[in-house]
Amino acid sequence: MVTDAPADLELRPLNGEPHTLRELLTTFHLVTAVLD
């Protein structure tokens, strides 16, 4: 486990264009459940 997430890590929403964590975290924290 890392202690800091990479700012340039891109997450691709199901309905949209990818955004970096830096872009997604400008206003709110992010809580995600990661599933296979």
PDB file of all heavy atoms in Angstrom:
ATOM      1  N   MET A   1       0.846  -1.172   0.000  1.00  0.00           N
ATOM      2  CA  MET A   1       0.000   0.000   0.000  1.00  0.00           C
ATOM      3  C   MET A   1       0.896   1.242   0.000  1.00  0.00           C
ATOM      4  O   MET A   1       1.872   1.303   0.723  1.00  0.00           O
ATOM      5  CB  MET A   1      -0.894  -0.028   1.231  1.00  0.00           C
ATOM      6  CG  MET A   1      -1.766   1.188   1.413  1.00  0.00           C
ATOM      7  SD  MET A   1      -2.951   1.531   0.128  1.00  0.00           S
ATOM      8  CE  MET A   1      -3.894   0.056   0.109  1.00  0.00           C
ATOM      9  N   VAL A   2       0.516   2.207  -0.813  1.00  0.00           N
ATOM     10  CA  VAL A   2       1.249   3.467  -0.862  1.00  0.00           C
ATOM     11  C   VAL A   2       0.684   4.411   0.196  1.00  0.00           C
ATOM     12  O   VAL A   2      -0.446   4.245   0.653  1.00  0.00           O
ATOM     13  CB  VAL A   2       1.164   4.116  -2.272  1.00  0.00           C
ATOM     14  CG1 VAL A   2       1.814   3.229  -3.315  1.00  0.00           C
ATOM     15  CG2 VAL A   2      -0.263   4.424  -2.652  1.00  0.00           C
ATOM     16  N   THR A   3       1.468   5.401   0.586  1.00  0.00           N
ATOM     17  CA  THR A   3       0.985   6.385   1.555  1.00  0.00           C
ATOM     18  C   THR A   3       0.374   7.597   0.869  1.00  0.00           C
ATOM     19  O   THR A   3      -0.435   8.297   1.460  1.00  0.00           O
ATOM     20  CB  THR A   3       2.119   6.839   2.493  1.00  0.00           C
ATOM     21  OG1 THR A   3       3.184   7.361   1.707  1.00  0.00           O
ATOM     22  CG2 THR A   3       2.616   5.682   3.335  1.00  0.00           C
ATOM     23  N   ASP A   4       0.785   7.856  -0.370  1.00  0.00           N
ATOM     24  CA  ASP A   4       0.235   8.954  -1.159  1.00  0.00           C
ATOM     25  C   ASP A   4      -0.130   8.431  -2.541  1.00  0.00           C
ATOM     26  O   ASP A   4       0.661   7.726  -3.175  1.00  0.00           O
ATOM     27  CB  ASP A   4       1.242  10.092  -1.309  1.00  0.00           C
ATOM     28  CG  ASP A   4       1.539  10.783   0.011  1.00  0.00           C
ATOM     29  OD1 ASP A   4       0.577  11.148   0.703  1.00  0.00           O
ATOM     30  OD2 ASP A   4       2.721  10.947   0.345  1.00  0.00           O
ATOM     31  N   ALA A   5      -1.302   8.814  -3.008  1.00  0.00           N
ATOM     32  CA  ALA A   5      -1.732   8.421  -4.351  1.00  0.00           C
ATOM     33  C   ALA A   5      -1.062   9.330  -5.370  1.00  0.00           C
ATOM     34  O   ALA A   5      -0.871  10.520  -5.114  1.00  0.00           O
ATOM     35  CB  ALA A   5      -3.250   8.530  -4.453  1.00  0.00           C
ATOM     36  N   PRO A   6      -0.686   8.814  -6.539  1.00  0.00           N
ATOM     37  CA  PRO A   6      -0.056   9.638  -7.562  1.00  0.00           C
ATOM     38  C   PRO A   6      -1.043  10.664  -8.125  1.00  0.00           C
ATOM     39  O   PRO A   6      -2.148  10.311  -8.542  1.00  0.00           O
ATOM     40  CB  PRO A   6       0.362   8.646  -8.648  1.00  0.00           C
ATOM     41  CG  PRO A   6       0.017   7.284  -8.158  1.00  0.00           C
ATOM     42  CD  PRO A   6      -0.785   7.410  -6.921  1.00  0.00           C
ATOM     43  N   ALA A   7      -0.660  11.922  -8.132  1.00  0.00           N
ATOM     44  CA  ALA A   7      -1.529  13.004  -8.607  1.00  0.00           C
ATOM     45  C   ALA A   7      -1.945  12.806 -10.054  1.00  0.00           C
ATOM     46  O   ALA A   7      -3.049  13.170 -10.452  1.00  0.00           O
ATOM     47  CB  ALA A   7      -0.834  14.355  -8.439  1.00  0.00           C
ATOM     48  N   ASP A   8      -1.060  12.222 -10.858  1.00  0.00           N
ATOM     49  CA  ASP A   8      -1.351  12.062 -12.283  1.00  0.00           C
ATOM     50  C   ASP A   8      -2.053  10.743 -12.615  1.00  0.00           C
ATOM     51  O   ASP A   8      -2.305  10.451 -13.781  1.00  0.00           O
ATOM     52  CB  ASP A   8      -0.078  12.203 -13.108  1.00  0.00           C
ATOM     53  CG  ASP A   8       0.969  11.143 -12.758  1.00  0.00           C
ATOM     54  OD1 ASP A   8       0.832  10.472 -11.719  1.00  0.00           O
ATOM     55  OD2 ASP A   8       1.926  11.000 -13.539  1.00  0.00           O
ATOM     56  N   LEU A   9      -2.412   9.958 -11.608  1.00  0.00           N
ATOM     57  CA  LEU A   9      -3.123   8.703 -11.832  1.00  0.00           C
ATOM     58  C   LEU A   9      -4.500   9.016 -12.405  1.00  0.00           C
ATOM     59  O   LEU A   9      -5.263   9.779 -11.829  1.00  0.00           O
ATOM     60  CB  LEU A   9      -3.270   7.927 -10.522  1.00  0.00           C
ATOM     61  CG  LEU A   9      -4.002   6.593 -10.599  1.00  0.00           C
ATOM     62  CD1 LEU A   9      -3.224   5.597 -11.463  1.00  0.00           C
ATOM     63  CD2 LEU A   9      -4.234   6.035  -9.218  1.00  0.00           C
ATOM     64  N   GLU A  10      -4.804   8.453 -13.568  1.00  0.00           N
ATOM     65  CA  GLU A  10      -6.086   8.714 -14.210  1.00  0.00           C
ATOM     66  C   GLU A  10      -7.121   7.662 -13.831  1.00  0.00           C
ATOM     67  O   GLU A  10      -6.831   6.464 -13.818  1.00  0.00           O
ATOM     68  CB  GLU A  10      -5.939   8.738 -15.731  1.00  0.00           C
ATOM     69  CG  GLU A  10      -5.282   9.983 -16.253  1.00  0.00           C
ATOM     70  CD  GLU A  10      -5.375  10.106 -17.760  1.00  0.00           C
ATOM     71  OE1 GLU A  10      -5.620   9.097 -18.441  1.00  0.00           O
ATOM     72  OE2 GLU A  10      -5.188  11.219 -18.252  1.00  0.00           O
ATOM     73  N   LEU A  11      -8.302   8.148 -13.528  1.00  0.00           N
ATOM     74  CA  LEU A  11      -9.447   7.277 -13.285  1.00  0.00           C
ATOM     75  C   LEU A  11     -10.460   7.564 -14.390  1.00  0.00           C
ATOM     76  O   LEU A  11     -10.757   8.719 -14.687  1.00  0.00           O
ATOM     77  CB  LEU A  11     -10.066   7.534 -11.917  1.00  0.00           C
ATOM     78  CG  LEU A  11      -9.194   7.195 -10.717  1.00  0.00           C
ATOM     79  CD1 LEU A  11      -9.913   7.541  -9.424  1.00  0.00           C
ATOM     80  CD2 LEU A  11      -8.808   5.730 -10.723  1.00  0.00           C
ATOM     81  N   ARG A  12     -10.955   6.506 -14.993  1.00  0.00           N
ATOM     82  CA  ARG A  12     -11.894   6.643 -16.112  1.00  0.00           C
ATOM     83  C   ARG A  12     -13.312   6.348 -15.637  1.00  0.00           C
ATOM     84  O   ARG A  12     -13.648   5.210 -15.321  1.00  0.00           O
ATOM     85  CB  ARG A  12     -11.516   5.695 -17.235  1.00  0.00           C
ATOM     86  CG  ARG A  12     -12.493   5.728 -18.378  1.00  0.00           C
ATOM     87  CD  ARG A  12     -12.145   4.756 -19.489  1.00  0.00           C
ATOM     88  NE  ARG A  12     -12.662   5.307 -20.700  1.00  0.00           N
ATOM     89  CZ  ARG A  12     -11.957   6.038 -21.560  1.00  0.00           C
ATOM     90  NH1 ARG A  12     -10.690   6.250 -21.358  1.00  0.00           N
ATOM     91  NH2 ARG A  12     -12.526   6.528 -22.629  1.00  0.00           N
ATOM     92  N   PRO A  13     -14.159   7.395 -15.606  1.00  0.00           N
ATOM     93  CA  PRO A  13     -15.552   7.154 -15.220  1.00  0.00           C
ATOM     94  C   PRO A  13     -16.282   6.342 -16.286  1.00  0.00           C
ATOM     95  O   PRO A  13     -15.938   6.406 -17.467  1.00  0.00           O
ATOM     96  CB  PRO A  13     -16.159   8.548 -15.090  1.00  0.00           C
ATOM     97  CG  PRO A  13     -15.154   9.509 -15.551  1.00  0.00           C
ATOM     98  CD  PRO A  13     -13.886   8.786 -15.870  1.00  0.00           C
ATOM     99  N   LEU A  14     -17.262   5.614 -15.864  1.00  0.00           N
ATOM    100  CA  LEU A  14     -18.052   4.787 -16.761  1.00  0.00           C
ATOM    101  C   LEU A  14     -18.676   5.627 -17.874  1.00  0.00           C
ATOM    102  O   LEU A  14     -18.753   5.198 -19.007  1.00  0.00           O
ATOM    103  CB  LEU A  14     -19.140   4.072 -15.953  1.00  0.00           C
ATOM    104  CG  LEU A  14     -19.976   3.018 -16.630  1.00  0.00           C
ATOM    105  CD1 LEU A  14     -19.106   1.923 -17.223  1.00  0.00           C
ATOM    106  CD2 LEU A  14     -20.954   2.430 -15.630  1.00  0.00           C
ATOM    107  N   ASN A  15     -19.092   6.817 -17.547  1.00  0.00           N
ATOM    108  CA  ASN A  15     -19.739   7.701 -18.523  1.00  0.00           C
ATOM    109  C   ASN A  15     -18.953   8.992 -18.672  1.00  0.00           C
ATOM    110  O   ASN A  15     -19.400  10.046 -18.258  1.00  0.00           O
ATOM    111  CB  ASN A  15     -21.171   8.023 -18.091  1.00  0.00           C
ATOM    112  CG  ASN A  15     -22.031   6.795 -17.994  1.00  0.00           C
ATOM    113  OD1 ASN A  15     -22.027   5.977 -18.895  1.00  0.00           O
ATOM    114  ND2 ASN A  15     -22.757   6.648 -16.901  1.00  0.00           N
ATOM    115  N   GLY A  16     -17.762   8.926 -19.231  1.00  0.00           N
ATOM    116  CA  GLY A  16     -17.026  10.169 -19.401  1.00  0.00           C
ATOM    117  C   GLY A  16     -15.565   9.976 -19.697  1.00  0.00           C
ATOM    118  O   GLY A  16     -15.077   8.857 -19.875  1.00  0.00           O
ATOM    119  N   GLU A  17     -14.886  11.107 -19.732  1.00  0.00           N
ATOM    120  CA  GLU A  17     -13.461  11.140 -20.017  1.00  0.00           C
ATOM    121  C   GLU A  17     -12.653  10.923 -18.739  1.00  0.00           C
ATOM    122  O   GLU A  17     -13.102  11.277 -17.648  1.00  0.00           O
ATOM    123  CB  GLU A  17     -13.092  12.495 -20.631  1.00  0.00           C
ATOM    124  CG  GLU A  17     -13.751  12.756 -21.976  1.00  0.00           C
ATOM    125  CD  GLU A  17     -13.349  11.730 -23.025  1.00  0.00           C
ATOM    126  OE1 GLU A  17     -12.143  11.438 -23.134  1.00  0.00           O
ATOM    127  OE2 GLU A  17     -14.241  11.214 -23.717  1.00  0.00           O
ATOM    128  N   PRO A  18     -11.443  10.379 -18.874  1.00  0.00           N
ATOM    129  CA  PRO A  18     -10.605  10.171 -17.688  1.00  0.00           C
ATOM    130  C   PRO A  18     -10.217  11.498 -17.022  1.00  0.00           C
ATOM    131  O   PRO A  18     -10.105  12.528 -17.691  1.00  0.00           O
ATOM    132  CB  PRO A  18      -9.359   9.480 -18.245  1.00  0.00           C
ATOM    133  CG  PRO A  18      -9.689   9.062 -19.620  1.00  0.00           C
ATOM    134  CD  PRO A  18     -10.817   9.904 -20.088  1.00  0.00           C
ATOM    135  N   HIS A  19     -10.033  11.431 -15.723  1.00  0.00           N
ATOM    136  CA  HIS A  19      -9.561  12.576 -14.937  1.00  0.00           C
ATOM    137  C   HIS A  19      -8.464  12.093 -14.000  1.00  0.00           C
ATOM    138  O   HIS A  19      -8.515  10.974 -13.503  1.00  0.00           O
ATOM    139  CB  HIS A  19     -10.694  13.180 -14.110  1.00  0.00           C
ATOM    140  CG  HIS A  19     -11.775  13.800 -14.926  1.00  0.00           C
ATOM    141  ND1 HIS A  19     -11.651  15.034 -15.513  1.00  0.00           N
ATOM    142  CD2 HIS A  19     -12.990  13.334 -15.267  1.00  0.00           C
ATOM    143  CE1 HIS A  19     -12.744  15.316 -16.179  1.00  0.00           C
ATOM    144  NE2 HIS A  19     -13.580  14.291 -16.053  1.00  0.00           N
ATOM    145  N   THR A  20      -7.511  12.961 -13.742  1.00  0.00           N
ATOM    146  CA  THR A  20      -6.458  12.613 -12.798  1.00  0.00           C
ATOM    147  C   THR A  20      -6.998  12.729 -11.373  1.00  0.00           C
ATOM    148  O   THR A  20      -8.001  13.416 -11.133  1.00  0.00           O
ATOM    149  CB  THR A  20      -5.239  13.539 -12.939  1.00  0.00           C
ATOM    150  OG1 THR A  20      -5.626  14.872 -12.580  1.00  0.00           O
ATOM    151  CG2 THR A  20      -4.668  13.508 -14.355  1.00  0.00           C
ATOM    152  N   LEU A  21      -6.326  12.077 -10.466  1.00  0.00           N
ATOM    153  CA  LEU A  21      -6.723  12.205  -9.059  1.00  0.00           C
ATOM    154  C   LEU A  21      -6.664  13.658  -8.623  1.00  0.00           C
ATOM    155  O   LEU A  21      -7.529  14.112  -7.880  1.00  0.00           O
ATOM    156  CB  LEU A  21      -5.829  11.345  -8.170  1.00  0.00           C
ATOM    157  CG  LEU A  21      -6.212   9.879  -8.072  1.00  0.00           C
ATOM    158  CD1 LEU A  21      -5.221   9.125  -7.197  1.00  0.00           C
ATOM    159  CD2 LEU A  21      -7.611   9.703  -7.534  1.00  0.00           C
ATOM    160  N   ARG A  22      -5.656  14.381  -9.086  1.00  0.00           N
ATOM    161  CA  ARG A  22      -5.549  15.808  -8.729  1.00  0.00           C
ATOM    162  C   ARG A  22      -6.833  16.539  -9.132  1.00  0.00           C
ATOM    163  O   ARG A  22      -7.365  17.335  -8.365  1.00  0.00           O
ATOM    164  CB  ARG A  22      -4.325  16.434  -9.404  1.00  0.00           C
ATOM    165  CG  ARG A  22      -4.217  17.934  -9.277  1.00  0.00           C
ATOM    166  CD  ARG A  22      -4.088  18.478  -7.875  1.00  0.00           C
ATOM    167  NE  ARG A  22      -2.858  18.045  -7.254  1.00  0.00           N
ATOM    168  CZ  ARG A  22      -2.740  17.817  -5.941  1.00  0.00           C
ATOM    169  NH1 ARG A  22      -3.742  18.013  -5.131  1.00  0.00           N
ATOM    170  NH2 ARG A  22      -1.611  17.430  -5.431  1.00  0.00           N
ATOM    171  N   GLU A  23      -7.365  16.247 -10.312  1.00  0.00           N
ATOM    172  CA  GLU A  23      -8.601  16.898 -10.763  1.00  0.00           C
ATOM    173  C   GLU A  23      -9.800  16.442  -9.939  1.00  0.00           C
ATOM    174  O   GLU A  23     -10.673  17.245  -9.604  1.00  0.00           O
ATOM    175  CB  GLU A  23      -8.857  16.577 -12.244  1.00  0.00           C
ATOM    176  CG  GLU A  23      -7.848  17.190 -13.188  1.00  0.00           C
ATOM    177  CD  GLU A  23      -7.963  16.659 -14.603  1.00  0.00           C
ATOM    178  OE1 GLU A  23      -8.332  15.479 -14.788  1.00  0.00           O
ATOM    179  OE2 GLU A  23      -7.661  17.436 -15.525  1.00  0.00           O
ATOM    180  N   LEU A  24      -9.860  15.176  -9.616  1.00  0.00           N
ATOM    181  CA  LEU A  24     -11.001  14.634  -8.880  1.00  0.00           C
ATOM    182  C   LEU A  24     -11.029  15.065  -7.416  1.00  0.00           C
ATOM    183  O   LEU A  24     -12.084  15.061  -6.788  1.00  0.00           O
ATOM    184  CB  LEU A  24     -10.994  13.104  -8.950  1.00  0.00           C
ATOM    185  CG  LEU A  24     -11.316  12.506 -10.314  1.00  0.00           C
ATOM    186  CD1 LEU A  24     -10.976  11.019 -10.334  1.00  0.00           C
ATOM    187  CD2 LEU A  24     -12.783  12.726 -10.657  1.00  0.00           C
ATOM    188  N   LEU A  25      -9.878  15.426  -6.887  1.00  0.00           N
ATOM    189  CA  LEU A  25      -9.784  15.726  -5.458  1.00  0.00           C
ATOM    190  C   LEU A  25      -9.719  17.226  -5.163  1.00  0.00           C
ATOM    191  O   LEU A  25      -9.319  17.613  -4.076  1.00  0.00           O
ATOM    192  CB  LEU A  25      -8.565  15.017  -4.864  1.00  0.00           C
ATOM    193  CG  LEU A  25      -8.649  13.491  -4.868  1.00  0.00           C
ATOM    194  CD1 LEU A  25      -7.317  12.870  -4.484  1.00  0.00           C
ATOM    195  CD2 LEU A  25      -9.751  13.011  -3.951  1.00  0.00           C
ATOM    196  N   THR A  26     -10.137  18.069  -6.092  1.00  0.00           N
ATOM    197  CA  THR A  26     -10.064  19.513  -5.841  1.00  0.00           C
ATOM    198  C   THR A  26     -11.036  19.960  -4.755  1.00  0.00           C
ATOM    199  O   THR A  26     -10.760  20.914  -4.040  1.00  0.00           O
ATOM    200  CB  THR A  26     -10.339  20.326  -7.128  1.00  0.00           C
ATOM    201  OG1 THR A  26     -11.615  19.941  -7.641  1.00  0.00           O
ATOM    202  CG2 THR A  26      -9.262  20.107  -8.162  1.00  0.00           C
ATOM    203  N   THR A  27     -12.164  19.292  -4.610  1.00  0.00           N
ATOM    204  CA  THR A  27     -13.183  19.722  -3.663  1.00  0.00           C
ATOM    205  C   THR A  27     -13.437  18.727  -2.540  1.00  0.00           C
ATOM    206  O   THR A  27     -13.652  19.119  -1.404  1.00  0.00           O
ATOM    207  CB  THR A  27     -14.518  19.975  -4.397  1.00  0.00           C
ATOM    208  OG1 THR A  27     -14.267  20.847  -5.498  1.00  0.00           O
ATOM    209  CG2 THR A  27     -15.529  20.624  -3.485  1.00  0.00           C
ATOM    210  N   PHE A  28     -13.420  17.445  -2.865  1.00  0.00           N
ATOM    211  CA  PHE A  28     -13.809  16.425  -1.895  1.00  0.00           C
ATOM    212  C   PHE A  28     -12.782  15.303  -1.808  1.00  0.00           C
ATOM    213  O   PHE A  28     -12.035  15.065  -2.748  1.00  0.00           O
ATOM    214  CB  PHE A  28     -15.152  15.789  -2.306  1.00  0.00           C
ATOM    215  CG  PHE A  28     -16.294  16.746  -2.352  1.00  0.00           C
ATOM    216  CD1 PHE A  28     -16.828  17.139  -3.560  1.00  0.00           C
ATOM    217  CD2 PHE A  28     -16.847  17.241  -1.185  1.00  0.00           C
ATOM    218  CE1 PHE A  28     -17.897  18.028  -3.609  1.00  0.00           C
ATOM    219  CE2 PHE A  28     -17.909  18.129  -1.223  1.00  0.00           C
ATOM    220  CZ  PHE A  28     -18.434  18.520  -2.443  1.00  0.00           C
ATOM    221  N   HIS A  29     -12.802  14.607  -0.685  1.00  0.00           N
ATOM    222  CA  HIS A  29     -12.065  13.351  -0.556  1.00  0.00           C
ATOM    223  C   HIS A  29     -12.712  12.343  -1.499  1.00  0.00           C
ATOM    224  O   HIS A  29     -13.855  12.523  -1.917  1.00  0.00           O
ATOM    225  CB  HIS A  29     -12.182  12.796   0.861  1.00  0.00           C
ATOM    226  CG  HIS A  29     -11.530  13.637   1.911  1.00  0.00           C
ATOM    227  ND1 HIS A  29     -10.939  13.092   3.023  1.00  0.00           N
ATOM    228  CD2 HIS A  29     -11.378  14.972   2.041  1.00  0.00           C
ATOM    229  CE1 HIS A  29     -10.462  14.051   3.785  1.00  0.00           C
ATOM    230  NE2 HIS A  29     -10.729  15.199   3.209  1.00  0.00           N
ATOM    231  N   LEU A  30     -11.993  11.269  -1.801  1.00  0.00           N
ATOM    232  CA  LEU A  30     -12.531  10.187  -2.616  1.00  0.00           C
ATOM    233  C   LEU A  30     -12.516   8.901  -1.793  1.00  0.00           C
ATOM    234  O   LEU A  30     -11.493   8.566  -1.182  1.00  0.00           O
ATOM    235  CB  LEU A  30     -11.699   9.992  -3.884  1.00  0.00           C
ATOM    236  CG  LEU A  30     -12.084   8.792  -4.763  1.00  0.00           C
ATOM    237  CD1 LEU A  30     -13.488   8.958  -5.340  1.00  0.00           C
ATOM    238  CD2 LEU A  30     -11.057   8.605  -5.879  1.00  0.00           C
ATOM    239  N   VAL A  31     -13.645   8.216  -1.783  1.00  0.00           N
ATOM    240  CA  VAL A  31     -13.753   6.914  -1.137  1.00  0.00           C
ATOM    241  C   VAL A  31     -14.222   5.949  -2.212  1.00  0.00           C
ATOM    242  O   VAL A  31     -15.284   6.138  -2.796  1.00  0.00           O
ATOM    243  CB  VAL A  31     -14.760   6.931   0.024  1.00  0.00           C
ATOM    244  CG1 VAL A  31     -14.840   5.568   0.682  1.00  0.00           C
ATOM    245  CG2 VAL A  31     -14.399   8.006   1.018  1.00  0.00           C
ATOM    246  N   THR A  32     -13.413   4.942  -2.497  1.00  0.00           N
ATOM    247  CA  THR A  32     -13.790   3.999  -3.533  1.00  0.00           C
ATOM    248  C   THR A  32     -13.648   2.562  -3.057  1.00  0.00           C
ATOM    249  O   THR A  32     -12.683   2.213  -2.363  1.00  0.00           O
ATOM    250  CB  THR A  32     -12.981   4.231  -4.836  1.00  0.00           C
ATOM    251  OG1 THR A  32     -13.495   3.392  -5.868  1.00  0.00           O
ATOM    252  CG2 THR A  32     -11.499   4.005  -4.649  1.00  0.00           C
ATOM    253  N   ALA A  33     -14.627   1.778  -3.415  1.00  0.00           N
ATOM    254  CA  ALA A  33     -14.558   0.335  -3.217  1.00  0.00           C
ATOM    255  C   ALA A  33     -14.038  -0.246  -4.524  1.00  0.00           C
ATOM    256  O   ALA A  33     -14.601   0.015  -5.592  1.00  0.00           O
ATOM    257  CB  ALA A  33     -15.922  -0.230  -2.887  1.00  0.00           C
ATOM    258  N   VAL A  34     -12.956  -0.979  -4.457  1.00  0.00           N
ATOM    259  CA  VAL A  34     -12.324  -1.550  -5.651  1.00  0.00           C
ATOM    260  C   VAL A  34     -12.657  -3.031  -5.702  1.00  0.00           C
ATOM    261  O   VAL A  34     -12.337  -3.772  -4.775  1.00  0.00           O
ATOM    262  CB  VAL A  34     -10.793  -1.328  -5.624  1.00  0.00           C
ATOM    263  CG1 VAL A  34     -10.172  -1.803  -6.931  1.00  0.00           C
ATOM    264  CG2 VAL A  34     -10.449   0.140  -5.363  1.00  0.00           C
ATOM    265  N   LEU A  35     -13.308  -3.426  -6.800  1.00  0.00           N
ATOM    266  CA  LEU A  35     -13.777  -4.807  -6.926  1.00  0.00           C
ATOM    267  C   LEU A  35     -13.284  -5.429  -8.219  1.00  0.00           C
ATOM    268  O   LEU A  35     -13.136  -4.747  -9.236  1.00  0.00           O
ATOM    269  CB  LEU A  35     -15.312  -4.849  -6.927  1.00  0.00           C
ATOM    270  CG  LEU A  35     -16.030  -4.253  -5.725  1.00  0.00           C
ATOM    271  CD1 LEU A  35     -17.535  -4.251  -5.964  1.00  0.00           C
ATOM    272  CD2 LEU A  35     -15.700  -5.021  -4.464  1.00  0.00           C
ATOM    273  N   ASP A  36     -13.080  -6.727  -8.169  1.00  0.00           N
ATOM    274  CA  ASP A  36     -12.784  -7.517  -9.354  1.00  0.00           C
ATOM    275  C   ASP A  36     -14.075  -8.221  -9.748  1.00  0.00           C
ATOM    276  O   ASP A  36     -14.496  -9.173  -9.086  1.00  0.00           O
ATOM    277  CB  ASP A  36     -11.690  -8.542  -9.047  1.00  0.00           C
ATOM    278  CG  ASP A  36     -11.332  -9.409 -10.233  1.00  0.00           C
ATOM    279  OD1 ASP A  36     -12.074  -9.401 -11.243  1.00  0.00           O
ATOM    280  OD2 ASP A  36     -10.314 -10.108 -10.158  1.00  0.00           O
TER     281      ASP A  36
END
